[in-house]
Each structure stands twice: as C-alpha cells, then as structure tokens.
C-alpha cells in the first residue's frame, strides 16, 4: 500500500475517533525514520487511553514488523495507554487487536488476516464503547432474572443484531422460533 493511502487511512481513523468524542492526535513522527518509535495515533476520552498502530491493506493480509509492535507496547506501558493494532482492509471497517492476540510468524513479525479481523477483531463501535460483541450462544443464555424480562431482552438483542447486519432476517427468525 502506498504511503499516501496509509496516511489517508490514518486521518480517517483520527476523524472517526474525534467524531466519537475522543481527544485524538496523529503522531507527527509516525512512519518516519526517527530514533524514537511513536504509535500512529493517540486517543483518549477521559476514561480510556489508546496508543494505536494503524495498518491498512488492499489484500487479505496485513504484516507488522515485530520491532514496531514491541515499540508500541513499550510506549503504551510508559504512557499509560492500552496498546492496540488497528487494521482496515479495503471495503471493510476498522478492527482492533491487542498485540498479544495477533499471529506471530516464525520470523518474529506479526500477521492479521482479513477473516480473523472480521471474526475476532473488535469493531469500531465496540472499540469506542458504543456496543459489545456477543456470540449467538451468549444471546441464548439464561440469566437469574425475570423470564419475561429475559425474553424481551433476548428479542431486543436479536433485532439489534439484524439491524447491524450481524444476523440475516432468516437467522433471526430461526432464533426466535
């Protein structure tokens, strides 16, 4: 991917975080040859602070140099932020990972595949605290609360999943059946 496209994607992420109410800045030295490694984006909302290494690709795999991941973790620890790798594939949204959740190659580098991002990554809405990912099994689990309240909440969660596009209408009907 070209640097111009990468820069554009970083600015896109900064703007979305800003619109979500985060104080955010794109590190001016990110991606340049400096002695001090900085994350691409710093973001916080008063409750949570992130140091983000942002990567995007047109293909189905994103590779990260092991040294830049280690530098992100080191900076985050010293700064008091949570280290996150933000990945964006063409025609997809941003997905986020803790560095420990990435696949480590034999050469000490890291890789994220498109399928893993879609299946296991934290999507943007969950990342900013506006939603929480639930599996279908979790939706069907019983609480200790009132049965009618559980049924109502379960129906609401299924409808919200359909609305977000996480479930098809047929899958929702089958779950409610």
Protein backbone atom coordinates (compact mmCIF):
# COMPACT_ATOMS: atom_id res chain seq x y z
CA UNK A 1 0.00 0.00 0.00
CA UNK A 2 1.24 3.48 -0.78
CA UNK A 3 2.20 5.89 1.98
CA UNK A 4 -0.44 8.33 0.70
CA UNK A 5 -3.16 5.72 1.11
CA UNK A 6 -1.84 4.76 4.56
CA UNK A 7 -1.79 8.43 5.59
CA UNK A 8 -5.35 8.84 4.32
CA UNK A 9 -6.50 5.81 6.35
CA UNK A 10 -4.78 7.15 9.49
CA UNK A 11 -6.51 10.52 9.04
CA UNK A 12 -9.81 8.69 8.54
CA UNK A 13 -9.30 6.86 11.86
CA UNK A 14 -8.37 10.10 13.63
CA UNK A 15 -11.51 11.81 12.30
CA UNK A 16 -13.79 8.94 13.32
CA UNK A 17 -12.33 8.85 16.83
CA UNK A 18 -12.73 12.62 17.08
CA UNK A 19 -16.37 12.36 15.98
CA UNK A 20 -16.88 9.70 18.67
CA UNK A 21 -15.80 12.15 21.37
CA UNK A 22 -12.17 11.14 21.82
CA UNK A 23 -9.32 13.59 22.13
CA UNK A 24 -7.08 12.31 19.39
CA UNK A 25 -3.86 13.10 17.58
CA UNK A 26 -1.89 11.54 14.83
CA UNK A 27 1.75 11.29 15.84
CA UNK A 28 3.75 13.57 13.56
CA UNK A 29 6.76 11.26 13.51
CA UNK A 30 4.84 8.03 12.90
CA UNK A 31 6.21 6.09 9.99
CA UNK A 32 9.29 8.28 9.63
CA UNK A 33 12.86 7.37 10.38
CA UNK A 34 13.27 8.64 13.92
CA UNK A 35 15.20 7.23 16.82
CA UNK A 36 12.08 7.32 18.95
CA UNK A 37 9.29 4.98 17.94
CA UNK A 38 5.84 6.51 18.35
CA UNK A 39 2.41 4.99 17.72
CA UNK A 40 0.46 6.26 14.73
CA UNK A 41 -2.47 7.55 16.79
CA UNK A 42 -3.04 8.52 20.43
CA UNK A 43 -6.66 8.70 21.59
CA UNK A 44 -8.45 9.10 24.91
CA UNK A 45 -11.85 10.04 26.26
CA UNK A 46 -11.06 10.62 29.93
CA UNK A 47 -11.81 7.01 30.86
CA UNK A 48 -9.68 5.05 28.42
CA UNK A 49 -6.49 5.86 26.55
CA UNK A 50 -5.20 4.07 23.46
CA UNK A 51 -1.91 4.04 21.60
CA UNK A 52 -2.71 2.69 18.14
CA UNK A 53 -0.55 1.34 15.36
CA UNK A 54 -2.76 1.68 12.28
CA UNK A 55 -2.34 -0.57 9.23
CA UNK A 56 -4.41 -1.00 6.10
CA UNK A 57 -4.21 -3.17 3.02
CA UNK A 58 -5.98 -3.87 -0.24
CA UNK A 59 -5.27 -7.61 0.06
CA UNK A 60 -6.26 -10.20 2.64
CA UNK A 61 -3.21 -9.98 4.94
CA UNK A 62 -1.52 -7.26 6.93
CA UNK A 63 2.00 -7.76 8.25
CA UNK A 64 3.59 -5.84 11.09
CA UNK A 65 7.26 -5.69 11.91
CA UNK A 66 7.97 -7.24 15.30
CA UNK A 67 10.03 -4.22 16.37
CA UNK A 68 7.19 -1.77 15.76
CA UNK A 69 4.82 -3.95 17.80
CA UNK A 70 7.35 -4.15 20.66
CA UNK A 71 7.85 -0.36 20.46
CA UNK A 72 4.07 0.17 20.64
CA UNK A 73 3.81 -1.98 23.77
CA UNK A 74 6.81 -0.25 25.37
CA UNK A 75 5.46 3.24 24.61
CA UNK A 76 1.97 2.30 25.80
CA UNK A 77 3.25 0.94 29.09
CA UNK A 78 5.27 4.11 29.77
CA UNK A 79 2.49 6.44 28.61
CA UNK A 80 -0.31 4.66 30.48
CA UNK A 81 -2.28 3.75 27.36
CA UNK A 82 -3.67 0.47 26.06
CA UNK A 83 -1.71 -0.75 23.04
CA UNK A 84 -3.89 -1.61 20.05
CA UNK A 85 -3.28 -2.60 16.47
CA UNK A 86 -5.92 -1.08 14.19
CA UNK A 87 -6.39 -2.83 10.85
CA UNK A 88 -8.50 -1.83 7.89
CA UNK A 89 -8.90 -3.89 4.76
CA UNK A 90 -10.39 -2.40 1.60
CA UNK A 91 -14.22 -2.46 1.70
CA UNK A 92 -14.17 -3.19 5.46
CA UNK A 93 -14.29 -1.12 8.61
CA UNK A 94 -11.59 -0.75 11.25
CA UNK A 95 -10.91 -3.71 13.57
CA UNK A 96 -8.71 -3.62 16.64
CA UNK A 97 -6.48 -6.15 18.42
CA UNK A 98 -4.29 -6.23 21.48
CA UNK A 99 -0.79 -7.16 20.25
CA UNK A 100 -0.93 -10.44 22.22
CA UNK A 101 -3.91 -11.51 20.09
CA UNK A 102 -2.00 -11.33 16.80
CA UNK A 103 -0.46 -14.28 14.98
CA UNK A 104 3.32 -14.24 15.39
CA UNK A 105 5.33 -15.53 12.43
CA UNK A 106 8.43 -17.70 12.71
CA UNK A 107 10.50 -14.61 11.89
CA UNK A 108 9.18 -12.67 14.88
CA UNK A 109 6.80 -10.47 12.92
CA UNK A 110 3.02 -10.34 13.15
CA UNK A 111 0.18 -11.01 10.72
CA UNK A 112 -3.55 -10.31 10.63
CA UNK A 113 -5.74 -11.97 8.01
CA UNK A 114 -8.99 -10.40 6.83
CA UNK A 115 -11.03 -13.38 8.07
CA UNK A 116 -9.53 -13.15 11.57
CA UNK A 117 -10.22 -9.42 11.68
CA UNK A 118 -13.87 -9.92 10.78
CA UNK A 119 -14.36 -12.89 13.11
CA UNK A 120 -12.27 -11.94 16.13
CA UNK A 121 -11.37 -8.27 15.89
CA UNK A 122 -13.04 -5.60 17.98
CA UNK A 123 -15.10 -3.48 15.60
CA UNK A 124 -15.11 0.31 15.76
CA UNK A 125 -18.37 0.62 17.71
CA UNK A 126 -17.16 -1.80 20.38
CA UNK A 127 -13.73 -0.14 20.44
CA UNK A 128 -15.25 3.24 21.31
CA UNK A 129 -17.58 1.69 23.87
CA UNK A 130 -20.88 2.00 21.95
CA UNK A 131 -21.58 -1.73 21.68
CA UNK A 132 -20.40 -5.06 22.95
CA UNK A 133 -19.84 -8.11 20.78
CA UNK A 134 -21.96 -11.12 21.74
CA UNK A 135 -21.99 -14.59 20.33
CA UNK A 136 -25.23 -16.33 19.41
CA UNK A 137 -24.67 -18.69 22.36
CA UNK A 138 -24.43 -15.72 24.75
CA UNK A 139 -27.68 -14.30 23.42
CA UNK A 140 -29.43 -17.58 24.19
CA UNK A 141 -28.02 -17.97 27.73
CA UNK A 142 -30.41 -17.62 30.67
CA UNK A 143 -29.93 -15.11 33.49
CA UNK A 144 -31.24 -15.36 37.02
CA UNK A 145 -33.69 -12.53 36.25
CA UNK A 146 -37.37 -12.50 35.37
CA UNK A 147 -38.21 -14.81 32.44
CA UNK A 148 -40.34 -12.21 30.64
CA UNK A 149 -37.58 -9.63 31.01
CA UNK A 150 -35.02 -12.14 29.65
CA UNK A 151 -37.25 -12.94 26.70
CA UNK A 152 -37.75 -9.25 25.94
CA UNK A 153 -34.01 -8.53 26.21
CA UNK A 154 -33.16 -11.57 24.04
CA UNK A 155 -35.59 -10.43 21.35
CA UNK A 156 -34.15 -6.91 21.51
CA UNK A 157 -30.59 -8.23 21.10
CA UNK A 158 -31.58 -10.38 18.12
CA UNK A 159 -33.34 -7.43 16.46
CA UNK A 160 -30.34 -5.18 17.09
CA UNK A 161 -28.04 -7.84 15.59
CA UNK A 162 -30.27 -7.96 12.49
CA UNK A 163 -30.27 -4.15 12.30
CA UNK A 164 -26.45 -4.04 12.49
CA UNK A 165 -26.23 -6.75 9.82
CA UNK A 166 -24.68 -9.32 12.21
CA UNK A 167 -27.60 -11.67 11.52
CA UNK A 168 -29.79 -12.20 8.48
CA UNK A 169 -33.56 -11.94 8.91
CA UNK A 170 -33.84 -15.72 8.40
CA UNK A 171 -31.27 -16.37 11.15
CA UNK A 172 -33.19 -14.06 13.50
CA UNK A 173 -36.50 -15.79 12.74
CA UNK A 174 -34.88 -19.17 13.37
CA UNK A 175 -33.51 -17.99 16.73
CA UNK A 176 -36.89 -16.60 17.76
CA UNK A 177 -38.77 -19.68 16.51
